[in-house]
């Protein structure tokens, strides 16, 4: 079993444009079963949209525009990367969070390539593994994790290969503490974190109004105007999250005594 430590960088305008974000750099490190680095992969990718890197991405990554201008498009780089991955008889991806797998798959689909390999190959979210190991409630960056482990990183942060190498340092350091039964396969999601928080709040709101937290009540109160226009896949996912939240044990908060009743009780004690 090889461990492929994967990192990508991407470009685009997430909140300012409906055009998709695109992968512009792939970096990967191959570790063998002894956790020895045996190989690396690195490549720039020329995007279809936003071929000029925006100022934020340029400052964050330091990627020269000239490298992007002469890079191959995603299909050619993806083919080379898959050939490189095929050198492992068996493998698992190791990523810092879920975004890298998501972006690879979205770009694969955008270019009308098969996503079968990516959907069927497991990955381990090292960020989750690290926060569980440290008992943290908030996410941390790769640089932050290195500092917490008293490890000295090398290379430039937010460059794909350098980040993959630094992520590999963390992986080696806490390998024996990781629970690999928590490996995952990519699953499409149609809701975001903000929408899932809204579902939790909706369950609380229904209960506070003494309404049973059922999907029907939620749809009537919150989705009446949207339910016909929403993607059915998104609605199904929302319903699943809602029902999981509604099934959690509920303990009503004790009602606060009214001020007048408290004053009367105090006066009676005097």
C-alpha atoms as a PDB file:
ATOM      1  CA  UNK A   1       0.000   0.000   0.000  1.00  0.00           C
ATOM      2  CA  UNK A   2       1.333   3.410  -1.022  1.00  0.00           C
ATOM      3  CA  UNK A   3       0.213   6.688   0.490  1.00  0.00           C
ATOM      4  CA  UNK A   4      -0.258   9.503  -2.015  1.00  0.00           C
ATOM      5  CA  UNK A   5      -0.088  12.846  -0.247  1.00  0.00           C
ATOM      6  CA  UNK A   6      -2.064  15.147  -2.526  1.00  0.00           C
ATOM      7  CA  UNK A   7      -2.292  18.914  -2.668  1.00  0.00           C
ATOM      8  CA  UNK A   8      -3.694  21.226  -5.319  1.00  0.00           C
ATOM      9  CA  UNK A   9      -3.952  24.963  -5.930  1.00  0.00           C
ATOM     10  CA  UNK A  10      -6.849  26.487  -7.812  1.00  0.00           C
ATOM     11  CA  UNK A  11      -7.829  29.785  -9.390  1.00  0.00           C
ATOM     12  CA  UNK A  12     -11.065  31.658  -9.952  1.00  0.00           C
ATOM     13  CA  UNK A  13     -13.468  34.096  -8.357  1.00  0.00           C
ATOM     14  CA  UNK A  14     -15.602  32.006  -6.016  1.00  0.00           C
ATOM     15  CA  UNK A  15     -17.958  34.764  -4.867  1.00  0.00           C
ATOM     16  CA  UNK A  16     -17.659  37.187  -7.784  1.00  0.00           C
ATOM     17  CA  UNK A  17     -18.453  34.917 -10.706  1.00  0.00           C
ATOM     18  CA  UNK A  18     -20.596  31.940 -11.623  1.00  0.00           C
ATOM     19  CA  UNK A  19     -17.716  30.532 -13.676  1.00  0.00           C
ATOM     20  CA  UNK A  20     -16.063  27.510 -12.059  1.00  0.00           C
ATOM     21  CA  UNK A  21     -12.917  27.477  -9.976  1.00  0.00           C
ATOM     22  CA  UNK A  22     -10.192  25.447 -11.717  1.00  0.00           C
ATOM     23  CA  UNK A  23      -7.125  23.489 -10.657  1.00  0.00           C
ATOM     24  CA  UNK A  24      -3.920  25.295 -11.674  1.00  0.00           C
ATOM     25  CA  UNK A  25      -1.307  23.150  -9.907  1.00  0.00           C
ATOM     26  CA  UNK A  26      -1.076  19.546  -8.723  1.00  0.00           C
ATOM     27  CA  UNK A  27       1.543  18.330  -6.276  1.00  0.00           C
ATOM     28  CA  UNK A  28       1.821  14.816  -4.882  1.00  0.00           C
ATOM     29  CA  UNK A  29       4.239  12.740  -2.833  1.00  0.00           C
ATOM     30  CA  UNK A  30       4.339   8.945  -2.937  1.00  0.00           C
ATOM     31  CA  UNK A  31       5.199   7.264   0.372  1.00  0.00           C
ATOM     32  CA  UNK A  32       5.768   3.518   0.569  1.00  0.00           C
ATOM     33  CA  UNK A  33       4.615   1.286   3.432  1.00  0.00           C
ATOM     34  CA  UNK A  34       7.650   2.347   5.452  1.00  0.00           C
ATOM     35  CA  UNK A  35       6.527   5.979   4.953  1.00  0.00           C
ATOM     36  CA  UNK A  36       9.609   6.704   2.855  1.00  0.00           C
ATOM     37  CA  UNK A  37       9.280   9.267   0.086  1.00  0.00           C
ATOM     38  CA  UNK A  38       9.918   7.385  -3.139  1.00  0.00           C
ATOM     39  CA  UNK A  39       8.535   9.698  -5.797  1.00  0.00           C
ATOM     40  CA  UNK A  40       6.893  13.059  -6.466  1.00  0.00           C
ATOM     41  CA  UNK A  41       4.615  14.597  -9.076  1.00  0.00           C
ATOM     42  CA  UNK A  42       4.190  18.267  -9.904  1.00  0.00           C
ATOM     43  CA  UNK A  43       2.537  20.110 -12.782  1.00  0.00           C
ATOM     44  CA  UNK A  44       0.950  23.447 -13.623  1.00  0.00           C
ATOM     45  CA  UNK A  45      -2.367  23.581 -15.482  1.00  0.00           C
ATOM     46  CA  UNK A  46      -3.646  26.292 -17.798  1.00  0.00           C
ATOM     47  CA  UNK A  47      -7.282  26.993 -16.920  1.00  0.00           C
ATOM     48  CA  UNK A  48     -10.085  27.477 -19.429  1.00  0.00           C
ATOM     49  CA  UNK A  49     -11.610  30.381 -17.500  1.00  0.00           C
ATOM     50  CA  UNK A  50      -9.653  33.174 -15.797  1.00  0.00           C
ATOM     51  CA  UNK A  51      -6.433  32.330 -17.608  1.00  0.00           C
ATOM     52  CA  UNK A  52      -4.847  35.321 -15.899  1.00  0.00           C
ATOM     53  CA  UNK A  53      -4.233  34.631 -12.229  1.00  0.00           C
ATOM     54  CA  UNK A  54      -6.028  37.059  -9.975  1.00  0.00           C
ATOM     55  CA  UNK A  55      -3.931  39.182  -7.630  1.00  0.00           C
ATOM     56  CA  UNK A  56      -4.972  37.254  -4.520  1.00  0.00           C
ATOM     57  CA  UNK A  57      -3.897  33.896  -5.968  1.00  0.00           C
ATOM     58  CA  UNK A  58      -0.632  35.351  -7.286  1.00  0.00           C
ATOM     59  CA  UNK A  59       0.213  36.806  -3.886  1.00  0.00           C
ATOM     60  CA  UNK A  60      -0.865  33.683  -2.004  1.00  0.00           C
ATOM     61  CA  UNK A  61       0.923  31.121  -4.151  1.00  0.00           C
ATOM     62  CA  UNK A  62       3.696  33.048  -5.869  1.00  0.00           C
ATOM     63  CA  UNK A  63       2.967  31.082  -9.056  1.00  0.00           C
ATOM     64  CA  UNK A  64       4.397  32.990 -12.059  1.00  0.00           C
ATOM     65  CA  UNK A  65       1.862  33.843 -14.752  1.00  0.00           C
ATOM     66  CA  UNK A  66       4.394  32.671 -17.356  1.00  0.00           C
ATOM     67  CA  UNK A  67       4.259  29.122 -15.943  1.00  0.00           C
ATOM     68  CA  UNK A  68       0.480  29.066 -16.305  1.00  0.00           C
ATOM     69  CA  UNK A  69       0.611  30.505 -19.822  1.00  0.00           C
ATOM     70  CA  UNK A  70       2.789  27.679 -21.130  1.00  0.00           C
ATOM     71  CA  UNK A  71       1.171  24.879 -19.107  1.00  0.00           C
ATOM     72  CA  UNK A  72      -1.003  22.120 -20.575  1.00  0.00           C
ATOM     73  CA  UNK A  73      -4.740  22.002 -20.063  1.00  0.00           C
ATOM     74  CA  UNK A  74      -6.306  19.768 -17.424  1.00  0.00           C
ATOM     75  CA  UNK A  75      -6.994  16.708 -19.642  1.00  0.00           C
ATOM     76  CA  UNK A  76      -3.322  16.306 -20.608  1.00  0.00           C
ATOM     77  CA  UNK A  77      -2.044  16.837 -17.043  1.00  0.00           C
ATOM     78  CA  UNK A  78      -4.730  14.541 -15.632  1.00  0.00           C
ATOM     79  CA  UNK A  79      -3.645  11.757 -17.997  1.00  0.00           C
ATOM     80  CA  UNK A  80       0.001  12.116 -16.918  1.00  0.00           C
ATOM     81  CA  UNK A  81      -1.017  12.151 -13.269  1.00  0.00           C
ATOM     82  CA  UNK A  82      -3.105   9.000 -13.640  1.00  0.00           C
ATOM     83  CA  UNK A  83      -0.151   7.273 -15.334  1.00  0.00           C
ATOM     84  CA  UNK A  84       2.054   8.317 -12.419  1.00  0.00           C
ATOM     85  CA  UNK A  85      -0.509   7.013  -9.922  1.00  0.00           C
ATOM     86  CA  UNK A  86      -0.711   3.686 -11.785  1.00  0.00           C
ATOM     87  CA  UNK A  87       2.834   2.876 -10.640  1.00  0.00           C
ATOM     88  CA  UNK A  88       1.335   1.991  -7.249  1.00  0.00           C
ATOM     89  CA  UNK A  89      -0.224  -1.456  -7.045  1.00  0.00           C
ATOM     90  CA  UNK A  90      -2.572  -0.143  -4.365  1.00  0.00           C
ATOM     91  CA  UNK A  91      -2.875   3.291  -2.797  1.00  0.00           C
ATOM     92  CA  UNK A  92      -4.844   5.646  -0.630  1.00  0.00           C
ATOM     93  CA  UNK A  93      -4.859   9.410  -1.036  1.00  0.00           C
ATOM     94  CA  UNK A  94      -4.025  11.546   1.978  1.00  0.00           C
ATOM     95  CA  UNK A  95      -5.362  15.094   1.865  1.00  0.00           C
ATOM     96  CA  UNK A  96      -5.553  18.077   4.204  1.00  0.00           C
ATOM     97  CA  UNK A  97      -9.338  18.464   4.189  1.00  0.00           C
ATOM     98  CA  UNK A  98     -11.830  17.475   1.497  1.00  0.00           C
ATOM     99  CA  UNK A  99     -11.383  20.280  -1.003  1.00  0.00           C
ATOM    100  CA  UNK A 100      -8.567  18.711  -3.043  1.00  0.00           C
ATOM    101  CA  UNK A 101     -10.545  15.601  -4.008  1.00  0.00           C
ATOM    102  CA  UNK A 102     -13.597  17.714  -4.750  1.00  0.00           C
ATOM    103  CA  UNK A 103     -11.700  20.066  -7.077  1.00  0.00           C
ATOM    104  CA  UNK A 104     -10.010  17.246  -8.987  1.00  0.00           C
ATOM    105  CA  UNK A 105     -13.381  15.562  -9.559  1.00  0.00           C
ATOM    106  CA  UNK A 106     -15.177  18.768 -10.548  1.00  0.00           C
ATOM    107  CA  UNK A 107     -12.487  19.583 -13.121  1.00  0.00           C
ATOM    108  CA  UNK A 108     -12.576  16.009 -14.402  1.00  0.00           C
ATOM    109  CA  UNK A 109     -16.312  16.336 -14.986  1.00  0.00           C
ATOM    110  CA  UNK A 110     -16.032  19.820 -16.457  1.00  0.00           C
ATOM    111  CA  UNK A 111     -13.741  18.419 -19.154  1.00  0.00           C
ATOM    112  CA  UNK A 112     -16.123  15.483 -19.694  1.00  0.00           C
ATOM    113  CA  UNK A 113     -13.573  12.913 -18.520  1.00  0.00           C
ATOM    114  CA  UNK A 114     -14.408   9.777 -16.541  1.00  0.00           C
ATOM    115  CA  UNK A 115     -14.467  10.320 -12.777  1.00  0.00           C
ATOM    116  CA  UNK A 116     -14.595   6.588 -11.994  1.00  0.00           C
ATOM    117  CA  UNK A 117     -11.002   6.360 -10.722  1.00  0.00           C
ATOM    118  CA  UNK A 118     -11.462   9.277  -8.334  1.00  0.00           C
ATOM    119  CA  UNK A 119     -14.798   8.056  -7.029  1.00  0.00           C
ATOM    120  CA  UNK A 120     -13.524   4.523  -6.400  1.00  0.00           C
ATOM    121  CA  UNK A 121     -10.158   5.344  -4.792  1.00  0.00           C
ATOM    122  CA  UNK A 122     -10.248   5.941  -1.026  1.00  0.00           C
ATOM    123  CA  UNK A 123      -8.794   8.961   0.685  1.00  0.00           C
ATOM    124  CA  UNK A 124      -7.949   9.824   4.264  1.00  0.00           C
ATOM    125  CA  UNK A 125      -8.625  13.330   5.571  1.00  0.00           C
ATOM    126  CA  UNK A 126      -5.485  14.067   7.582  1.00  0.00           C
ATOM    127  CA  UNK A 127      -6.911  17.347   8.835  1.00  0.00           C
ATOM    128  CA  UNK A 128      -9.681  15.420  10.604  1.00  0.00           C
ATOM    129  CA  UNK A 129      -7.143  12.904  11.840  1.00  0.00           C
ATOM    130  CA  UNK A 130      -4.955  15.667  13.245  1.00  0.00           C
ATOM    131  CA  UNK A 131      -7.773  17.570  14.984  1.00  0.00           C
ATOM    132  CA  UNK A 132      -9.007  14.302  16.502  1.00  0.00           C
ATOM    133  CA  UNK A 133      -5.490  13.436  17.695  1.00  0.00           C
ATOM    134  CA  UNK A 134      -5.049  16.879  19.255  1.00  0.00           C
ATOM    135  CA  UNK A 135      -8.607  17.151  20.567  1.00  0.00           C
ATOM    136  CA  UNK A 136      -9.214  20.359  18.614  1.00  0.00           C
ATOM    137  CA  UNK A 137     -12.612  21.806  17.768  1.00  0.00           C
ATOM    138  CA  UNK A 138     -11.351  24.146  15.028  1.00  0.00           C
ATOM    139  CA  UNK A 139      -9.446  23.395  11.838  1.00  0.00           C
ATOM    140  CA  UNK A 140      -5.814  24.374  11.499  1.00  0.00           C
ATOM    141  CA  UNK A 141      -3.537  24.988   8.519  1.00  0.00           C
ATOM    142  CA  UNK A 142      -0.667  22.733   7.525  1.00  0.00           C
ATOM    143  CA  UNK A 143       1.718  25.388   8.835  1.00  0.00           C
ATOM    144  CA  UNK A 144      -0.161  25.545  12.131  1.00  0.00           C
ATOM    145  CA  UNK A 145      -0.042  21.774  12.525  1.00  0.00           C
ATOM    146  CA  UNK A 146       3.709  21.706  11.869  1.00  0.00           C
ATOM    147  CA  UNK A 147       4.193  24.325  14.563  1.00  0.00           C
ATOM    148  CA  UNK A 148       2.075  22.389  17.059  1.00  0.00           C
ATOM    149  CA  UNK A 149       4.181  19.286  16.387  1.00  0.00           C
ATOM    150  CA  UNK A 150       7.440  21.272  16.658  1.00  0.00           C
ATOM    151  CA  UNK A 151       8.303  20.327  13.091  1.00  0.00           C
ATOM    152  CA  UNK A 152      10.146  22.643  10.747  1.00  0.00           C
ATOM    153  CA  UNK A 153       8.534  22.882   7.337  1.00  0.00           C
ATOM    154  CA  UNK A 154      10.433  23.483   4.139  1.00  0.00           C
ATOM    155  CA  UNK A 155       9.570  25.080   0.844  1.00  0.00           C
ATOM    156  CA  UNK A 156       6.878  27.643   0.117  1.00  0.00           C
ATOM    157  CA  UNK A 157       3.397  27.454   1.598  1.00  0.00           C
ATOM    158  CA  UNK A 158       0.520  27.326  -0.906  1.00  0.00           C
ATOM    159  CA  UNK A 159       2.623  25.694  -3.589  1.00  0.00           C
ATOM    160  CA  UNK A 160       1.221  22.274  -4.309  1.00  0.00           C
ATOM    161  CA  UNK A 161       4.326  20.078  -4.087  1.00  0.00           C
ATOM    162  CA  UNK A 162       5.788  21.951  -1.125  1.00  0.00           C
ATOM    163  CA  UNK A 163       2.479  21.674   0.729  1.00  0.00           C
ATOM    164  CA  UNK A 164       2.307  17.957  -0.087  1.00  0.00           C
ATOM    165  CA  UNK A 165       5.817  17.456   1.310  1.00  0.00           C
ATOM    166  CA  UNK A 166       4.936  19.335   4.504  1.00  0.00           C
ATOM    167  CA  UNK A 167       1.695  17.379   4.828  1.00  0.00           C
ATOM    168  CA  UNK A 168       3.756  14.194   4.533  1.00  0.00           C
ATOM    169  CA  UNK A 169       5.839  15.359   7.523  1.00  0.00           C
ATOM    170  CA  UNK A 170       2.688  15.606   9.628  1.00  0.00           C
ATOM    171  CA  UNK A 171       1.456  12.241   8.341  1.00  0.00           C
ATOM    172  CA  UNK A 172       4.653  10.492   9.405  1.00  0.00           C
ATOM    173  CA  UNK A 173       4.700  12.208  12.801  1.00  0.00           C
ATOM    174  CA  UNK A 174       1.226  11.059  13.856  1.00  0.00           C
ATOM    175  CA  UNK A 175       0.826   7.951  11.696  1.00  0.00           C
ATOM    176  CA  UNK A 176       0.509   5.575  14.665  1.00  0.00           C
ATOM    177  CA  UNK A 177      -2.281   7.705  16.125  1.00  0.00           C
ATOM    178  CA  UNK A 178      -4.467   7.683  13.006  1.00  0.00           C
ATOM    179  CA  UNK A 179      -7.631   5.621  12.624  1.00  0.00           C
ATOM    180  CA  UNK A 180      -7.642   4.416   9.033  1.00  0.00           C
ATOM    181  CA  UNK A 181     -11.098   2.919   9.429  1.00  0.00           C
ATOM    182  CA  UNK A 182     -12.166   6.528   8.857  1.00  0.00           C
ATOM    183  CA  UNK A 183     -10.983   6.496   5.265  1.00  0.00           C
ATOM    184  CA  UNK A 184     -13.565   7.855   2.848  1.00  0.00           C
ATOM    185  CA  UNK A 185     -14.751   7.774  -0.734  1.00  0.00           C
ATOM    186  CA  UNK A 186     -15.807  10.977  -2.385  1.00  0.00           C
ATOM    187  CA  UNK A 187     -19.532  11.643  -2.135  1.00  0.00           C
ATOM    188  CA  UNK A 188     -21.249  14.452  -3.989  1.00  0.00           C
ATOM    189  CA  UNK A 189     -22.795  17.078  -1.725  1.00  0.00           C
ATOM    190  CA  UNK A 190     -25.406  19.608  -2.751  1.00  0.00           C
ATOM    191  CA  UNK A 191     -25.653  21.637   0.459  1.00  0.00           C
ATOM    192  CA  UNK A 192     -23.040  23.852   2.057  1.00  0.00           C
ATOM    193  CA  UNK A 193     -22.112  24.391   5.709  1.00  0.00           C
ATOM    194  CA  UNK A 194     -24.277  27.505   5.977  1.00  0.00           C
ATOM    195  CA  UNK A 195     -27.347  25.643   4.736  1.00  0.00           C
ATOM    196  CA  UNK A 196     -26.734  22.745   7.124  1.00  0.00           C
ATOM    197  CA  UNK A 197     -26.460  25.155  10.063  1.00  0.00           C
ATOM    198  CA  UNK A 198     -29.757  26.694   8.957  1.00  0.00           C
ATOM    199  CA  UNK A 199     -31.367  23.243   9.119  1.00  0.00           C
ATOM    200  CA  UNK A 200     -30.188  22.812  12.717  1.00  0.00           C
ATOM    201  CA  UNK A 201     -31.573  26.216  13.620  1.00  0.00           C
ATOM    202  CA  UNK A 202     -34.867  25.348  11.919  1.00  0.00           C
ATOM    203  CA  UNK A 203     -35.284  22.270  14.130  1.00  0.00           C
ATOM    204  CA  UNK A 204     -34.766  24.433  17.226  1.00  0.00           C
ATOM    205  CA  UNK A 205     -37.157  27.075  15.919  1.00  0.00           C
ATOM    206  CA  UNK A 206     -39.932  24.580  15.217  1.00  0.00           C
ATOM    207  CA  UNK A 207     -39.587  23.160  18.722  1.00  0.00           C
ATOM    208  CA  UNK A 208     -39.597  26.613  20.286  1.00  0.00           C
ATOM    209  CA  UNK A 209     -42.912  27.233  18.483  1.00  0.00           C
ATOM    210  CA  UNK A 210     -44.176  23.920  19.877  1.00  0.00           C
ATOM    211  CA  UNK A 211     -44.296  22.385  16.410  1.00  0.00           C
ATOM    212  CA  UNK A 212     -43.127  18.839  15.767  1.00  0.00           C
ATOM    213  CA  UNK A 213     -39.792  18.967  13.871  1.00  0.00           C
ATOM    214  CA  UNK A 214     -40.935  17.040  10.812  1.00  0.00           C
ATOM    215  CA  UNK A 215     -39.766  17.586   7.252  1.00  0.00           C
ATOM    216  CA  UNK A 216     -43.335  18.467   6.269  1.00  0.00           C
ATOM    217  CA  UNK A 217     -43.503  21.244   8.869  1.00  0.00           C
ATOM    218  CA  UNK A 218     -40.091  22.499   7.833  1.00  0.00           C
ATOM    219  CA  UNK A 219     -40.996  22.538   4.150  1.00  0.00           C
ATOM    220  CA  UNK A 220     -44.263  24.354   4.865  1.00  0.00           C
ATOM    221  CA  UNK A 221     -42.630  27.012   7.014  1.00  0.00           C
ATOM    222  CA  UNK A 222     -39.275  27.542   5.277  1.00  0.00           C
ATOM    223  CA  UNK A 223     -39.408  26.093   1.749  1.00  0.00           C
ATOM    224  CA  UNK A 224     -42.890  26.899   0.526  1.00  0.00           C
ATOM    225  CA  UNK A 225     -41.633  29.332  -2.125  1.00  0.00           C
ATOM    226  CA  UNK A 226     -38.531  27.354  -3.142  1.00  0.00           C
ATOM    227  CA  UNK A 227     -39.448  23.694  -3.069  1.00  0.00           C
ATOM    228  CA  UNK A 228     -40.487  23.460  -6.738  1.00  0.00           C
ATOM    229  CA  UNK A 229     -37.360  25.230  -8.037  1.00  0.00           C
ATOM    230  CA  UNK A 230     -34.767  23.431  -5.876  1.00  0.00           C
ATOM    231  CA  UNK A 231     -32.622  20.616  -7.279  1.00  0.00           C
ATOM    232  CA  UNK A 232     -34.273  17.314  -6.187  1.00  0.00           C
ATOM    233  CA  UNK A 233     -30.853  15.970  -5.172  1.00  0.00           C
ATOM    234  CA  UNK A 234     -30.337  18.962  -2.910  1.00  0.00           C
ATOM    235  CA  UNK A 235     -33.794  18.566  -1.376  1.00  0.00           C
ATOM    236  CA  UNK A 236     -33.109  14.885  -0.663  1.00  0.00           C
ATOM    237  CA  UNK A 237     -29.824  15.773   1.056  1.00  0.00           C
ATOM    238  CA  UNK A 238     -31.487  18.573   3.042  1.00  0.00           C
ATOM    239  CA  UNK A 239     -34.200  16.175   4.189  1.00  0.00           C
ATOM    240  CA  UNK A 240     -31.596  13.640   5.324  1.00  0.00           C
ATOM    241  CA  UNK A 241     -29.667  16.269   7.341  1.00  0.00           C
ATOM    242  CA  UNK A 242     -32.914  17.629   8.801  1.00  0.00           C
ATOM    243  CA  UNK A 243     -34.142  14.212   9.909  1.00  0.00           C
ATOM    244  CA  UNK A 244     -30.781  13.369  11.505  1.00  0.00           C
ATOM    245  CA  UNK A 245     -30.889  16.623  13.468  1.00  0.00           C
ATOM    246  CA  UNK A 246     -34.539  16.108  14.478  1.00  0.00           C
ATOM    247  CA  UNK A 247     -33.732  12.573  15.717  1.00  0.00           C
ATOM    248  CA  UNK A 248     -31.159  13.819  18.213  1.00  0.00           C
ATOM    249  CA  UNK A 249     -32.229  13.728  21.881  1.00  0.00           C
ATOM    250  CA  UNK A 250     -33.979  16.941  22.806  1.00  0.00           C
ATOM    251  CA  UNK A 251     -33.901  18.430  26.260  1.00  0.00           C
ATOM    252  CA  UNK A 252     -36.135  21.428  26.694  1.00  0.00           C
ATOM    253  CA  UNK A 253     -34.664  24.307  28.631  1.00  0.00           C
ATOM    254  CA  UNK A 254     -36.468  24.935  31.930  1.00  0.00           C
ATOM    255  CA  UNK A 255     -38.681  27.990  31.779  1.00  0.00           C
ATOM    256  CA  UNK A 256     -37.334  30.992  33.607  1.00  0.00           C
ATOM    257  CA  UNK A 257     -39.503  32.115  36.542  1.00  0.00           C
ATOM    258  CA  UNK A 258     -41.295  35.347  35.901  1.00  0.00           C
ATOM    259  CA  UNK A 259     -39.891  38.356  37.671  1.00  0.00           C
ATOM    260  CA  UNK A 260     -43.107  38.992  39.580  1.00  0.00           C
ATOM    261  CA  UNK A 261     -43.257  35.428  40.880  1.00  0.00           C
ATOM    262  CA  UNK A 262     -39.658  35.668  42.066  1.00  0.00           C
ATOM    263  CA  UNK A 263     -40.358  38.937  43.901  1.00  0.00           C
ATOM    264  CA  UNK A 264     -43.419  37.431  45.627  1.00  0.00           C
ATOM    265  CA  UNK A 265     -41.378  34.413  46.713  1.00  0.00           C
ATOM    266  CA  UNK A 266     -38.644  36.664  48.126  1.00  0.00           C
ATOM    267  CA  UNK A 267     -41.161  38.802  50.036  1.00  0.00           C
ATOM    268  CA  UNK A 268     -42.789  35.745  51.563  1.00  0.00           C
ATOM    269  CA  UNK A 269     -39.438  34.651  52.983  1.00  0.00           C
ATOM    270  CA  UNK A 270     -38.897  37.942  54.796  1.00  0.00           C
END
